[in-house]
Amino acid sequence: MSDKNDFFDDITGEEPEAGEFEVMSDEMDEADEDEPVDMRTVVMAKEEMIALLGLKTSARGGLIVRVDPRENQPAAQTYDDPAAASKWFNSSLSTSKRNGWQVIYDGEPLFG
């Protein structure tokens, strides 16, 4: 496992398949305003790098967003099942911690 790709290796230690994470776009579906949405943001640090892992879930599904300082653009993965999104989010977070990333914030997104 190379240092370049250790940030979000899945639980098996393999790199994601091509297309598993797609570049974020403005075309992503937004949840209805009346529908409850849960959000979680994790900010991590390693050496002189800062990274972000975000989770957004609702009854309609889930979204994992990652900002890796070694990549040119943020990436996102959508899920039809919010439980599956939570499972993969926690798996990615655990893998990142094992690879030396330290959590410096874990909670709801901060505004202002």
PDB file of N, CA and C in Angstrom:
ATOM      1  N   MET A   1       0.857  -1.172   0.000  1.00  0.00           N
ATOM      2  CA  MET A   1       0.000   0.000   0.000  1.00  0.00           C
ATOM      3  C   MET A   1       0.895   1.224   0.000  1.00  0.00           C
ATOM      4  N   SER A   2       0.714   2.094  -0.987  1.00  0.00           N
ATOM      5  CA  SER A   2       1.571   3.259  -1.094  1.00  0.00           C
ATOM      6  C   SER A   2       1.057   4.379  -0.199  1.00  0.00           C
ATOM      7  N   ASP A   3       1.982   5.247   0.248  1.00  0.00           N
ATOM      8  CA  ASP A   3       1.604   6.367   1.102  1.00  0.00           C
ATOM      9  C   ASP A   3       0.619   7.279   0.384  1.00  0.00           C
ATOM     10  N   LYS A   4       0.750   7.403  -0.948  1.00  0.00           N
ATOM     11  CA  LYS A   4      -0.141   8.272  -1.708  1.00  0.00           C
ATOM     12  C   LYS A   4      -1.590   7.823  -1.594  1.00  0.00           C
ATOM     13  N   ASN A   5      -1.835   6.543  -1.503  1.00  0.00           N
ATOM     14  CA  ASN A   5      -3.202   6.041  -1.534  1.00  0.00           C
ATOM     15  C   ASN A   5      -3.668   5.457  -0.207  1.00  0.00           C
ATOM     16  N   ASP A   6      -2.917   5.611   0.869  1.00  0.00           N
ATOM     17  CA  ASP A   6      -3.299   4.973   2.129  1.00  0.00           C
ATOM     18  C   ASP A   6      -4.425   5.686   2.861  1.00  0.00           C
ATOM     19  N   PHE A   7      -4.790   6.875   2.425  1.00  0.00           N
ATOM     20  CA  PHE A   7      -5.768   7.670   3.150  1.00  0.00           C
ATOM     21  C   PHE A   7      -7.158   7.043   3.140  1.00  0.00           C
ATOM     22  N   PHE A   8      -7.593   6.513   2.005  1.00  0.00           N
ATOM     23  CA  PHE A   8      -8.942   5.976   1.923  1.00  0.00           C
ATOM     24  C   PHE A   8      -8.981   4.555   1.388  1.00  0.00           C
ATOM     25  N   ASP A   9      -7.946   3.786   1.635  1.00  0.00           N
ATOM     26  CA  ASP A   9      -7.994   2.382   1.243  1.00  0.00           C
ATOM     27  C   ASP A   9      -9.137   1.729   1.984  1.00  0.00           C
ATOM     28  N   ASP A  10      -9.834   0.833   1.300  1.00  0.00           N
ATOM     29  CA  ASP A  10     -10.965   0.197   1.963  1.00  0.00           C
ATOM     30  C   ASP A  10     -10.473  -0.803   3.000  1.00  0.00           C
ATOM     31  N   ILE A  11     -11.367  -1.459   3.664  1.00  0.00           N
ATOM     32  CA  ILE A  11     -11.057  -2.330   4.795  1.00  0.00           C
ATOM     33  C   ILE A  11     -10.107  -3.457   4.419  1.00  0.00           C
ATOM     34  N   THR A  12     -10.101  -3.851   3.147  1.00  0.00           N
ATOM     35  CA  THR A  12      -9.222  -4.933   2.705  1.00  0.00           C
ATOM     36  C   THR A  12      -7.819  -4.443   2.438  1.00  0.00           C
ATOM     37  N   GLY A  13      -7.622  -3.130   2.474  1.00  0.00           N
ATOM     38  CA  GLY A  13      -6.298  -2.577   2.214  1.00  0.00           C
ATOM     39  C   GLY A  13      -6.038  -2.354   0.737  1.00  0.00           C
ATOM     40  N   GLU A  14      -7.050  -2.541  -0.104  1.00  0.00           N
ATOM     41  CA  GLU A  14      -6.887  -2.334  -1.531  1.00  0.00           C
ATOM     42  C   GLU A  14      -7.339  -0.941  -1.908  1.00  0.00           C
ATOM     43  N   GLU A  15      -6.811  -0.444  -3.021  1.00  0.00           N
ATOM     44  CA  GLU A  15      -7.232   0.853  -3.508  1.00  0.00           C
ATOM     45  C   GLU A  15      -8.626   0.737  -4.103  1.00  0.00           C
ATOM     46  N   PRO A  16      -9.434   1.815  -4.081  1.00  0.00           N
ATOM     47  CA  PRO A  16     -10.768   1.775  -4.680  1.00  0.00           C
ATOM     48  C   PRO A  16     -10.686   1.478  -6.170  1.00  0.00           C
ATOM     49  N   GLU A  17     -11.697   0.782  -6.679  1.00  0.00           N
ATOM     50  CA  GLU A  17     -11.792   0.511  -8.114  1.00  0.00           C
ATOM     51  C   GLU A  17     -12.017   1.828  -8.841  1.00  0.00           C
ATOM     52  N   ALA A  18     -11.615   1.861 -10.094  1.00  0.00           N
ATOM     53  CA  ALA A  18     -11.848   3.053 -10.903  1.00  0.00           C
ATOM     54  C   ALA A  18     -13.334   3.364 -10.912  1.00  0.00           C
ATOM     55  N   GLY A  19     -13.686   4.610 -10.662  1.00  0.00           N
ATOM     56  CA  GLY A  19     -15.078   5.022 -10.660  1.00  0.00           C
ATOM     57  C   GLY A  19     -15.765   4.838  -9.320  1.00  0.00           C
ATOM     58  N   GLU A  20     -15.098   4.195  -8.352  1.00  0.00           N
ATOM     59  CA  GLU A  20     -15.736   3.995  -7.054  1.00  0.00           C
ATOM     60  C   GLU A  20     -16.002   5.331  -6.388  1.00  0.00           C
ATOM     61  N   PHE A  21     -15.044   6.240  -6.487  1.00  0.00           N
ATOM     62  CA  PHE A  21     -15.248   7.602  -6.043  1.00  0.00           C
ATOM     63  C   PHE A  21     -15.271   8.471  -7.283  1.00  0.00           C
ATOM     64  N   GLU A  22     -16.264   9.321  -7.388  1.00  0.00           N
ATOM     65  CA  GLU A  22     -16.373  10.197  -8.534  1.00  0.00           C
ATOM     66  C   GLU A  22     -16.151  11.635  -8.097  1.00  0.00           C
ATOM     67  N   VAL A  23     -15.660  12.436  -9.006  1.00  0.00           N
ATOM     68  CA  VAL A  23     -15.462  13.848  -8.717  1.00  0.00           C
ATOM     69  C   VAL A  23     -16.819  14.478  -8.439  1.00  0.00           C
ATOM     70  N   MET A  24     -16.869  15.342  -7.434  1.00  0.00           N
ATOM     71  CA  MET A  24     -18.121  15.982  -7.043  1.00  0.00           C
ATOM     72  C   MET A  24     -18.630  16.872  -8.170  1.00  0.00           C
ATOM     73  N   SER A  25     -19.944  16.965  -8.289  1.00  0.00           N
ATOM     74  CA  SER A  25     -20.538  17.851  -9.283  1.00  0.00           C
ATOM     75  C   SER A  25     -21.741  18.561  -8.675  1.00  0.00           C
ATOM     76  N   ASP A  26     -22.201  19.592  -9.370  1.00  0.00           N
ATOM     77  CA  ASP A  26     -23.365  20.341  -8.913  1.00  0.00           C
ATOM     78  C   ASP A  26     -24.655  19.579  -9.173  1.00  0.00           C
ATOM     79  N   GLU A  27     -24.593  18.459  -9.880  1.00  0.00           N
ATOM     80  CA  GLU A  27     -25.781  17.721 -10.253  1.00  0.00           C
ATOM     81  C   GLU A  27     -26.241  16.738  -9.178  1.00  0.00           C
ATOM     82  N   MET A  28     -25.564  16.686  -8.048  1.00  0.00           N
ATOM     83  CA  MET A  28     -25.921  15.729  -7.007  1.00  0.00           C
ATOM     84  C   MET A  28     -27.278  16.079  -6.418  1.00  0.00           C
ATOM     85  N   ASP A  29     -28.094  15.049  -6.182  1.00  0.00           N
ATOM     86  CA  ASP A  29     -29.434  15.270  -5.636  1.00  0.00           C
ATOM     87  C   ASP A  29     -29.345  15.841  -4.233  1.00  0.00           C
ATOM     88  N   GLU A  30     -30.210  16.793  -3.957  1.00  0.00           N
ATOM     89  CA  GLU A  30     -30.313  17.364  -2.624  1.00  0.00           C
ATOM     90  C   GLU A  30     -31.529  16.768  -1.924  1.00  0.00           C
ATOM     91  N   ALA A  31     -31.439  16.534  -0.626  1.00  0.00           N
ATOM     92  CA  ALA A  31     -32.570  16.008   0.143  1.00  0.00           C
ATOM     93  C   ALA A  31     -33.644  17.077   0.254  1.00  0.00           C
ATOM     94  N   ASP A  32     -34.904  16.645   0.343  1.00  0.00           N
ATOM     95  CA  ASP A  32     -35.993  17.595   0.556  1.00  0.00           C
ATOM     96  C   ASP A  32     -35.755  18.331   1.865  1.00  0.00           C
ATOM     97  N   GLU A  33     -36.178  19.583   1.919  1.00  0.00           N
ATOM     98  CA  GLU A  33     -35.951  20.379   3.115  1.00  0.00           C
ATOM     99  C   GLU A  33     -36.667  19.815   4.335  1.00  0.00           C
ATOM    100  N   ASP A  34     -37.798  19.102   4.128  1.00  0.00           N
ATOM    101  CA  ASP A  34     -38.550  18.535   5.243  1.00  0.00           C
ATOM    102  C   ASP A  34     -37.957  17.220   5.735  1.00  0.00           C
ATOM    103  N   GLU A  35     -37.115  16.604   4.952  1.00  0.00           N
ATOM    104  CA  GLU A  35     -36.542  15.307   5.300  1.00  0.00           C
ATOM    105  C   GLU A  35     -35.358  15.494   6.249  1.00  0.00           C
ATOM    106  N   PRO A  36     -35.329  14.756   7.371  1.00  0.00           N
ATOM    107  CA  PRO A  36     -34.193  14.887   8.285  1.00  0.00           C
ATOM    108  C   PRO A  36     -32.901  14.377   7.648  1.00  0.00           C
ATOM    109  N   VAL A  37     -31.843  15.129   7.843  1.00  0.00           N
ATOM    110  CA  VAL A  37     -30.532  14.794   7.292  1.00  0.00           C
ATOM    111  C   VAL A  37     -29.526  14.815   8.430  1.00  0.00           C
ATOM    112  N   ASP A  38     -28.712  13.765   8.502  1.00  0.00           N
ATOM    113  CA  ASP A  38     -27.624  13.714   9.476  1.00  0.00           C
ATOM    114  C   ASP A  38     -26.318  13.980   8.748  1.00  0.00           C
ATOM    115  N   MET A  39     -25.463  14.800   9.365  1.00  0.00           N
ATOM    116  CA  MET A  39     -24.174  15.096   8.757  1.00  0.00           C
ATOM    117  C   MET A  39     -23.078  14.933   9.799  1.00  0.00           C
ATOM    118  N   ARG A  40     -21.928  14.476   9.341  1.00  0.00           N
ATOM    119  CA  ARG A  40     -20.762  14.292  10.198  1.00  0.00           C
ATOM    120  C   ARG A  40     -19.529  14.693   9.401  1.00  0.00           C
ATOM    121  N   THR A  41     -18.665  15.445  10.029  1.00  0.00           N
ATOM    122  CA  THR A  41     -17.431  15.889   9.405  1.00  0.00           C
ATOM    123  C   THR A  41     -16.258  15.461  10.278  1.00  0.00           C
ATOM    124  N   VAL A  42     -15.244  14.882   9.637  1.00  0.00           N
ATOM    125  CA  VAL A  42     -14.020  14.505  10.345  1.00  0.00           C
ATOM    126  C   VAL A  42     -12.857  15.220   9.656  1.00  0.00           C
ATOM    127  N   VAL A  43     -12.103  15.972  10.444  1.00  0.00           N
ATOM    128  CA  VAL A  43     -10.901  16.630   9.955  1.00  0.00           C
ATOM    129  C   VAL A  43      -9.722  15.865  10.544  1.00  0.00           C
ATOM    130  N   MET A  44      -8.778  15.505   9.670  1.00  0.00           N
ATOM    131  CA  MET A  44      -7.629  14.707  10.104  1.00  0.00           C
ATOM    132  C   MET A  44      -6.328  15.383   9.691  1.00  0.00           C
ATOM    133  N   ALA A  45      -5.271  15.064  10.424  1.00  0.00           N
ATOM    134  CA  ALA A  45      -3.948  15.605  10.130  1.00  0.00           C
ATOM    135  C   ALA A  45      -2.924  14.483  10.133  1.00  0.00           C
ATOM    136  N   LYS A  46      -1.943  14.624   9.251  1.00  0.00           N
ATOM    137  CA  LYS A  46      -0.813  13.697   9.186  1.00  0.00           C
ATOM    138  C   LYS A  46       0.356  14.480   8.622  1.00  0.00           C
ATOM    139  N   GLU A  47       1.440  14.472   9.373  1.00  0.00           N
ATOM    140  CA  GLU A  47       2.607  15.261   9.003  1.00  0.00           C
ATOM    141  C   GLU A  47       2.164  16.705   8.812  1.00  0.00           C
ATOM    142  N   GLU A  48       2.313  17.290   7.638  1.00  0.00           N
ATOM    143  CA  GLU A  48       1.889  18.674   7.432  1.00  0.00           C
ATOM    144  C   GLU A  48       0.652  18.754   6.539  1.00  0.00           C
ATOM    145  N   MET A  49      -0.138  17.665   6.514  1.00  0.00           N
ATOM    146  CA  MET A  49      -1.321  17.617   5.656  1.00  0.00           C
ATOM    147  C   MET A  49      -2.597  17.643   6.496  1.00  0.00           C
ATOM    148  N   ILE A  50      -3.647  18.212   5.930  1.00  0.00           N
ATOM    149  CA  ILE A  50      -4.985  18.224   6.521  1.00  0.00           C
ATOM    150  C   ILE A  50      -5.917  17.553   5.512  1.00  0.00           C
ATOM    151  N   ALA A  51      -6.794  16.674   5.986  1.00  0.00           N
ATOM    152  CA  ALA A  51      -7.748  15.987   5.124  1.00  0.00           C
ATOM    153  C   ALA A  51      -9.136  16.065   5.744  1.00  0.00           C
ATOM    154  N   LEU A  52     -10.149  15.858   4.920  1.00  0.00           N
ATOM    155  CA  LEU A  52     -11.537  15.946   5.353  1.00  0.00           C
ATOM    156  C   LEU A  52     -12.286  14.716   4.869  1.00  0.00           C
ATOM    157  N   LEU A  53     -13.112  14.168   5.754  1.00  0.00           N
ATOM    158  CA  LEU A  53     -14.008  13.068   5.413  1.00  0.00           C
ATOM    159  C   LEU A  53     -15.391  13.460   5.911  1.00  0.00           C
ATOM    160  N   GLY A  54     -16.377  13.454   5.023  1.00  0.00           N
ATOM    161  CA  GLY A  54     -17.721  13.875   5.402  1.00  0.00           C
ATOM    162  C   GLY A  54     -18.755  12.819   5.071  1.00  0.00           C
ATOM    163  N   LEU A  55     -19.801  12.767   5.890  1.00  0.00           N
ATOM    164  CA  LEU A  55     -20.902  11.827   5.700  1.00  0.00           C
ATOM    165  C   LEU A  55     -22.215  12.589   5.794  1.00  0.00           C
ATOM    166  N   LYS A  56     -23.097  12.351   4.850  1.00  0.00           N
ATOM    167  CA  LYS A  56     -24.438  12.928   4.866  1.00  0.00           C
ATOM    168  C   LYS A  56     -25.408  11.785   4.595  1.00  0.00           C
ATOM    169  N   THR A  57     -26.358  11.568   5.517  1.00  0.00           N
ATOM    170  CA  THR A  57     -27.336  10.495   5.328  1.00  0.00           C
ATOM    171  C   THR A  57     -28.748  11.022   5.537  1.00  0.00           C
ATOM    172  N   SER A  58     -29.671  10.405   4.831  1.00  0.00           N
ATOM    173  CA  SER A  58     -31.101  10.672   4.989  1.00  0.00           C
ATOM    174  C   SER A  58     -31.820   9.371   4.667  1.00  0.00           C
ATOM    175  N   ALA A  59     -33.124   9.385   4.728  1.00  0.00           N
ATOM    176  CA  ALA A  59     -33.894   8.180   4.411  1.00  0.00           C
ATOM    177  C   ALA A  59     -33.692   7.755   2.955  1.00  0.00           C
ATOM    178  N   ARG A  60     -33.292   8.675   2.096  1.00  0.00           N
ATOM    179  CA  ARG A  60     -33.104   8.371   0.677  1.00  0.00           C
ATOM    180  C   ARG A  60     -31.747   7.767   0.366  1.00  0.00           C
ATOM    181  N   GLY A  61     -30.788   7.812   1.289  1.00  0.00           N
ATOM    182  CA  GLY A  61     -29.467   7.257   1.022  1.00  0.00           C
ATOM    183  C   GLY A  61     -28.385   8.004   1.749  1.00  0.00           C
ATOM    184  N   GLY A  62     -27.175   7.912   1.212  1.00  0.00           N
ATOM    185  CA  GLY A  62     -26.052   8.556   1.867  1.00  0.00           C
ATOM    186  C   GLY A  62     -25.027   9.045   0.866  1.00  0.00           C
ATOM    187  N   LEU A  63     -24.135   9.888   1.362  1.00  0.00           N
ATOM    188  CA  LEU A  63     -23.077  10.476   0.565  1.00  0.00           C
ATOM    189  C   LEU A  63     -21.822  10.563   1.422  1.00  0.00           C
ATOM    190  N   ILE A  64     -20.724  10.053   0.897  1.00  0.00           N
ATOM    191  CA  ILE A  64     -19.421  10.215   1.547  1.00  0.00           C
ATOM    192  C   ILE A  64     -18.603  11.147   0.663  1.00  0.00           C
ATOM    193  N   VAL A  65     -18.025  12.163   1.280  1.00  0.00           N
ATOM    194  CA  VAL A  65     -17.181  13.118   0.576  1.00  0.00           C
ATOM    195  C   VAL A  65     -15.801  13.075   1.195  1.00  0.00           C
ATOM    196  N   ARG A  66     -14.794  13.132   0.352  1.00  0.00           N
ATOM    197  CA  ARG A  66     -13.427  13.165   0.868  1.00  0.00           C
ATOM    198  C   ARG A  66     -12.648  14.271   0.190  1.00  0.00           C
ATOM    199  N   VAL A  67     -11.799  14.908   0.975  1.00  0.00           N
ATOM    200  CA  VAL A  67     -10.866  15.888   0.461  1.00  0.00           C
ATOM    201  C   VAL A  67      -9.496  15.419   0.913  1.00  0.00           C
ATOM    202  N   ASP A  68      -8.732  14.913  -0.039  1.00  0.00           N
ATOM    203  CA  ASP A  68      -7.400  14.375   0.207  1.00  0.00           C
ATOM    204  C   ASP A  68      -6.400  15.401  -0.323  1.00  0.00           C
ATOM    205  N   PRO A  69      -5.463  15.858   0.485  1.00  0.00           N
ATOM    206  CA  PRO A  69      -4.546  16.906   0.037  1.00  0.00           C
ATOM    207  C   PRO A  69      -3.651  16.479  -1.121  1.00  0.00           C
ATOM    208  N   ARG A  70      -3.572  15.187  -1.378  1.00  0.00           N
ATOM    209  CA  ARG A  70      -2.724  14.706  -2.467  1.00  0.00           C
ATOM    210  C   ARG A  70      -3.487  14.561  -3.776  1.00  0.00           C
ATOM    211  N   GLU A  71      -4.780  14.840  -3.752  1.00  0.00           N
ATOM    212  CA  GLU A  71      -5.609  14.765  -4.953  1.00  0.00           C
ATOM    213  C   GLU A  71      -5.948  16.174  -5.425  1.00  0.00           C
ATOM    214  N   ASN A  72      -6.187  16.329  -6.734  1.00  0.00           N
ATOM    215  CA  ASN A  72      -6.490  17.650  -7.297  1.00  0.00           C
ATOM    216  C   ASN A  72      -7.881  18.149  -6.949  1.00  0.00           C
ATOM    217  N   GLN A  73      -8.854  17.218  -6.799  1.00  0.00           N
ATOM    218  CA  GLN A  73     -10.237  17.623  -6.554  1.00  0.00           C
ATOM    219  C   GLN A  73     -10.857  16.757  -5.466  1.00  0.00           C
ATOM    220  N   PRO A  74     -11.864  17.286  -4.790  1.00  0.00           N
ATOM    221  CA  PRO A  74     -12.617  16.457  -3.843  1.00  0.00           C
ATOM    222  C   PRO A  74     -13.321  15.330  -4.600  1.00  0.00           C
ATOM    223  N   ALA A  75     -13.672  14.271  -3.891  1.00  0.00           N
ATOM    224  CA  ALA A  75     -14.383  13.143  -4.490  1.00  0.00           C
ATOM    225  C   ALA A  75     -15.581  12.787  -3.624  1.00  0.00           C
ATOM    226  N   ALA A  76     -16.577  12.167  -4.244  1.00  0.00           N
ATOM    227  CA  ALA A  76     -17.786  11.782  -3.517  1.00  0.00           C
ATOM    228  C   ALA A  76     -18.265  10.423  -4.001  1.00  0.00           C
ATOM    229  N   GLN A  77     -18.905   9.694  -3.096  1.00  0.00           N
ATOM    230  CA  GLN A  77     -19.519   8.414  -3.413  1.00  0.00           C
ATOM    231  C   GLN A  77     -20.923   8.421  -2.844  1.00  0.00           C
ATOM    232  N   THR A  78     -21.916   8.099  -3.669  1.00  0.00           N
ATOM    233  CA  THR A  78     -23.298   8.057  -3.202  1.00  0.00           C
ATOM    234  C   THR A  78     -23.729   6.617  -2.949  1.00  0.00           C
ATOM    235  N   TYR A  79     -24.680   6.456  -2.041  1.00  0.00           N
ATOM    236  CA  TYR A  79     -25.219   5.156  -1.657  1.00  0.00           C
ATOM    237  C   TYR A  79     -26.731   5.251  -1.594  1.00  0.00           C
ATOM    238  N   ASP A  80     -27.417   4.193  -2.036  1.00  0.00           N
ATOM    239  CA  ASP A  80     -28.870   4.138  -1.919  1.00  0.00           C
ATOM    240  C   ASP A  80     -29.303   3.834  -0.490  1.00  0.00           C
ATOM    241  N   ASP A  81     -28.435   3.184   0.268  1.00  0.00           N
ATOM    242  CA  ASP A  81     -28.735   2.744   1.634  1.00  0.00           C
ATOM    243  C   ASP A  81     -27.922   3.572   2.632  1.00  0.00           C
ATOM    244  N   PRO A  82     -28.580   4.331   3.523  1.00  0.00           N
ATOM    245  CA  PRO A  82     -27.822   5.138   4.490  1.00  0.00           C
ATOM    246  C   PRO A  82     -26.957   4.284   5.417  1.00  0.00           C
ATOM    247  N   ALA A  83     -27.388   3.064   5.736  1.00  0.00           N
ATOM    248  CA  ALA A  83     -26.580   2.183   6.594  1.00  0.00           C
ATOM    249  C   ALA A  83     -25.290   1.782   5.886  1.00  0.00           C
ATOM    250  N   ALA A  84     -25.356   1.541   4.590  1.00  0.00           N
ATOM    251  CA  ALA A  84     -24.150   1.193   3.826  1.00  0.00           C
ATOM    252  C   ALA A  84     -23.186   2.379   3.793  1.00  0.00           C
ATOM    253  N   ALA A  85     -23.716   3.580   3.623  1.00  0.00           N
ATOM    254  CA  ALA A  85     -22.864   4.777   3.629  1.00  0.00           C
ATOM    255  C   ALA A  85     -22.162   4.916   4.974  1.00  0.00           C
ATOM    256  N   SER A  86     -22.890   4.726   6.055  1.00  0.00           N
ATOM    257  CA  SER A  86     -22.297   4.825   7.399  1.00  0.00           C
ATOM    258  C   SER A  86     -21.224   3.757   7.602  1.00  0.00           C
ATOM    259  N   LYS A  87     -21.511   2.550   7.125  1.00  0.00           N
ATOM    260  CA  LYS A  87     -20.546   1.450   7.262  1.00  0.00           C
ATOM    261  C   LYS A  87     -19.236   1.795   6.551  1.00  0.00           C
ATOM    262  N   TRP A  88     -19.308   2.260   5.298  1.00  0.00           N
ATOM    263  CA  TRP A  88     -18.105   2.566   4.538  1.00  0.00           C
ATOM    264  C   TRP A  88     -17.401   3.810   5.059  1.00  0.00           C
ATOM    265  N   PHE A  89     -18.146   4.763   5.578  1.00  0.00           N
ATOM    266  CA  PHE A  89     -17.543   5.935   6.204  1.00  0.00           C
ATOM    267  C   PHE A  89     -16.694   5.504   7.396  1.00  0.00           C
ATOM    268  N   ASN A  90     -17.287   4.684   8.280  1.00  0.00           N
ATOM    269  CA  ASN A  90     -16.554   4.210   9.461  1.00  0.00           C
ATOM    270  C   ASN A  90     -15.364   3.346   9.078  1.00  0.00           C
ATOM    271  N   SER A  91     -15.504   2.561   8.026  1.00  0.00           N
ATOM    272  CA  SER A  91     -14.397   1.742   7.544  1.00  0.00           C
ATOM    273  C   SER A  91     -13.247   2.625   7.044  1.00  0.00           C
ATOM    274  N   SER A  92     -13.570   3.644   6.250  1.00  0.00           N
ATOM    275  CA  SER A  92     -12.547   4.565   5.754  1.00  0.00           C
ATOM    276  C   SER A  92     -11.864   5.314   6.889  1.00  0.00           C
ATOM    277  N   LEU A  93     -12.657   5.728   7.876  1.00  0.00           N
ATOM    278  CA  LEU A  93     -12.094   6.429   9.022  1.00  0.00           C
ATOM    279  C   LEU A  93     -11.140   5.526   9.804  1.00  0.00           C
ATOM    280  N   SER A  94     -11.538   4.280  10.035  1.00  0.00           N
ATOM    281  CA  SER A  94     -10.680   3.329  10.751  1.00  0.00           C
ATOM    282  C   SER A  94      -9.381   3.075   9.998  1.00  0.00           C
ATOM    283  N   THR A  95      -9.486   2.906   8.697  1.00  0.00           N
ATOM    284  CA  THR A  95      -8.290   2.676   7.880  1.00  0.00           C
ATOM    285  C   THR A  95      -7.362   3.880   7.935  1.00  0.00           C
ATOM    286  N   SER A  96      -7.929   5.071   7.852  1.00  0.00           N
ATOM    287  CA  SER A  96      -7.115   6.289   7.913  1.00  0.00           C
ATOM    288  C   SER A  96      -6.368   6.380   9.242  1.00  0.00           C
ATOM    289  N   LYS A  97      -7.046   6.066  10.335  1.00  0.00           N
ATOM    290  CA  LYS A  97      -6.398   6.099  11.654  1.00  0.00           C
ATOM    291  C   LYS A  97      -5.257   5.090  11.724  1.00  0.00           C
ATOM    292  N   ARG A  98      -5.495   3.888  11.191  1.00  0.00           N
ATOM    293  CA  ARG A  98      -4.427   2.864  11.184  1.00  0.00           C
ATOM    294  C   ARG A  98      -3.240   3.319  10.354  1.00  0.00           C
ATOM    295  N   ASN A  99      -3.484   4.154   9.362  1.00  0.00           N
ATOM    296  CA  ASN A  99      -2.418   4.640   8.488  1.00  0.00           C
ATOM    297  C   ASN A  99      -1.762   5.920   8.998  1.00  0.00           C
ATOM    298  N   GLY A 100      -2.032   6.272  10.241  1.00  0.00           N
ATOM    299  CA  GLY A 100      -1.319   7.378  10.864  1.00  0.00           C
ATOM    300  C   GLY A 100      -2.012   8.724  10.859  1.00  0.00           C
ATOM    301  N   TRP A 101      -3.226   8.808  10.326  1.00  0.00           N
ATOM    302  CA  TRP A 101      -3.961  10.064  10.360  1.00  0.00           C
ATOM    303  C   TRP A 101      -4.553  10.255  11.745  1.00  0.00           C
ATOM    304  N   GLN A 102      -4.424  11.460  12.293  1.00  0.00           N
ATOM    305  CA  GLN A 102      -4.975  11.776  13.605  1.00  0.00           C
ATOM    306  C   GLN A 102      -6.232  12.628  13.438  1.00  0.00           C
ATOM    307  N   VAL A 103      -7.280  12.258  14.150  1.00  0.00           N
ATOM    308  CA  VAL A 103      -8.535  13.018  14.096  1.00  0.00           C
ATOM    309  C   VAL A 103      -8.372  14.275  14.944  1.00  0.00           C
ATOM    310  N   ILE A 104      -8.616  15.436  14.324  1.00  0.00           N
ATOM    311  CA  ILE A 104      -8.551  16.684  15.087  1.00  0.00           C
ATOM    312  C   ILE A 104      -9.939  17.306  15.275  1.00  0.00           C
ATOM    313  N   TYR A 105     -10.930  16.813  14.521  1.00  0.00           N
ATOM    314  CA  TYR A 105     -12.321  17.213  14.740  1.00  0.00           C
ATOM    315  C   TYR A 105     -13.224  16.102  14.227  1.00  0.00           C
ATOM    316  N   ASP A 106     -14.259  15.771  14.990  1.00  0.00           N
ATOM    317  CA  ASP A 106     -15.238  14.773  14.585  1.00  0.00           C
ATOM    318  C   ASP A 106     -16.599  15.208  15.118  1.00  0.00           C
ATOM    319  N   GLY A 107     -17.480  15.654  14.248  1.00  0.00           N
ATOM    320  CA  GLY A 107     -18.794  16.101  14.684  1.00  0.00           C
ATOM    321  C   GLY A 107     -19.573  16.697  13.546  1.00  0.00           C
ATOM    322  N   GLU A 108     -20.576  17.496  13.896  1.00  0.00           N
ATOM    323  CA  GLU A 108     -21.388  18.164  12.883  1.00  0.00           C
ATOM    324  C   GLU A 108     -20.542  19.226  12.193  1.00  0.00           C
ATOM    325  N   PRO A 109     -20.865  19.533  10.934  1.00  0.00           N
ATOM    326  CA  PRO A 109     -20.116  20.588  10.246  1.00  0.00           C
ATOM    327  C   PRO A 109     -20.229  21.903  11.027  1.00  0.00           C
ATOM    328  N   LEU A 110     -19.146  22.648  11.030  1.00  0.00           N
ATOM    329  CA  LEU A 110     -19.128  23.941  11.700  1.00  0.00           C
ATOM    330  C   LEU A 110     -19.451  25.036  10.698  1.00  0.00           C
ATOM    331  N   PHE A 111     -20.252  25.977  11.104  1.00  0.00           N
ATOM    332  CA  PHE A 111     -20.608  27.092  10.254  1.00  0.00           C
ATOM    333  C   PHE A 111     -20.243  28.372  10.990  1.00  0.00           C
ATOM    334  N   GLY A 112     -19.575  29.292  10.274  1.00  0.00           N
ATOM    335  CA  GLY A 112     -19.268  30.589  10.843  1.00  0.00           C
ATOM    336  C   GLY A 112     -18.141  30.571  11.715  1.00  0.00           C
TER     337      GLY A 112
END
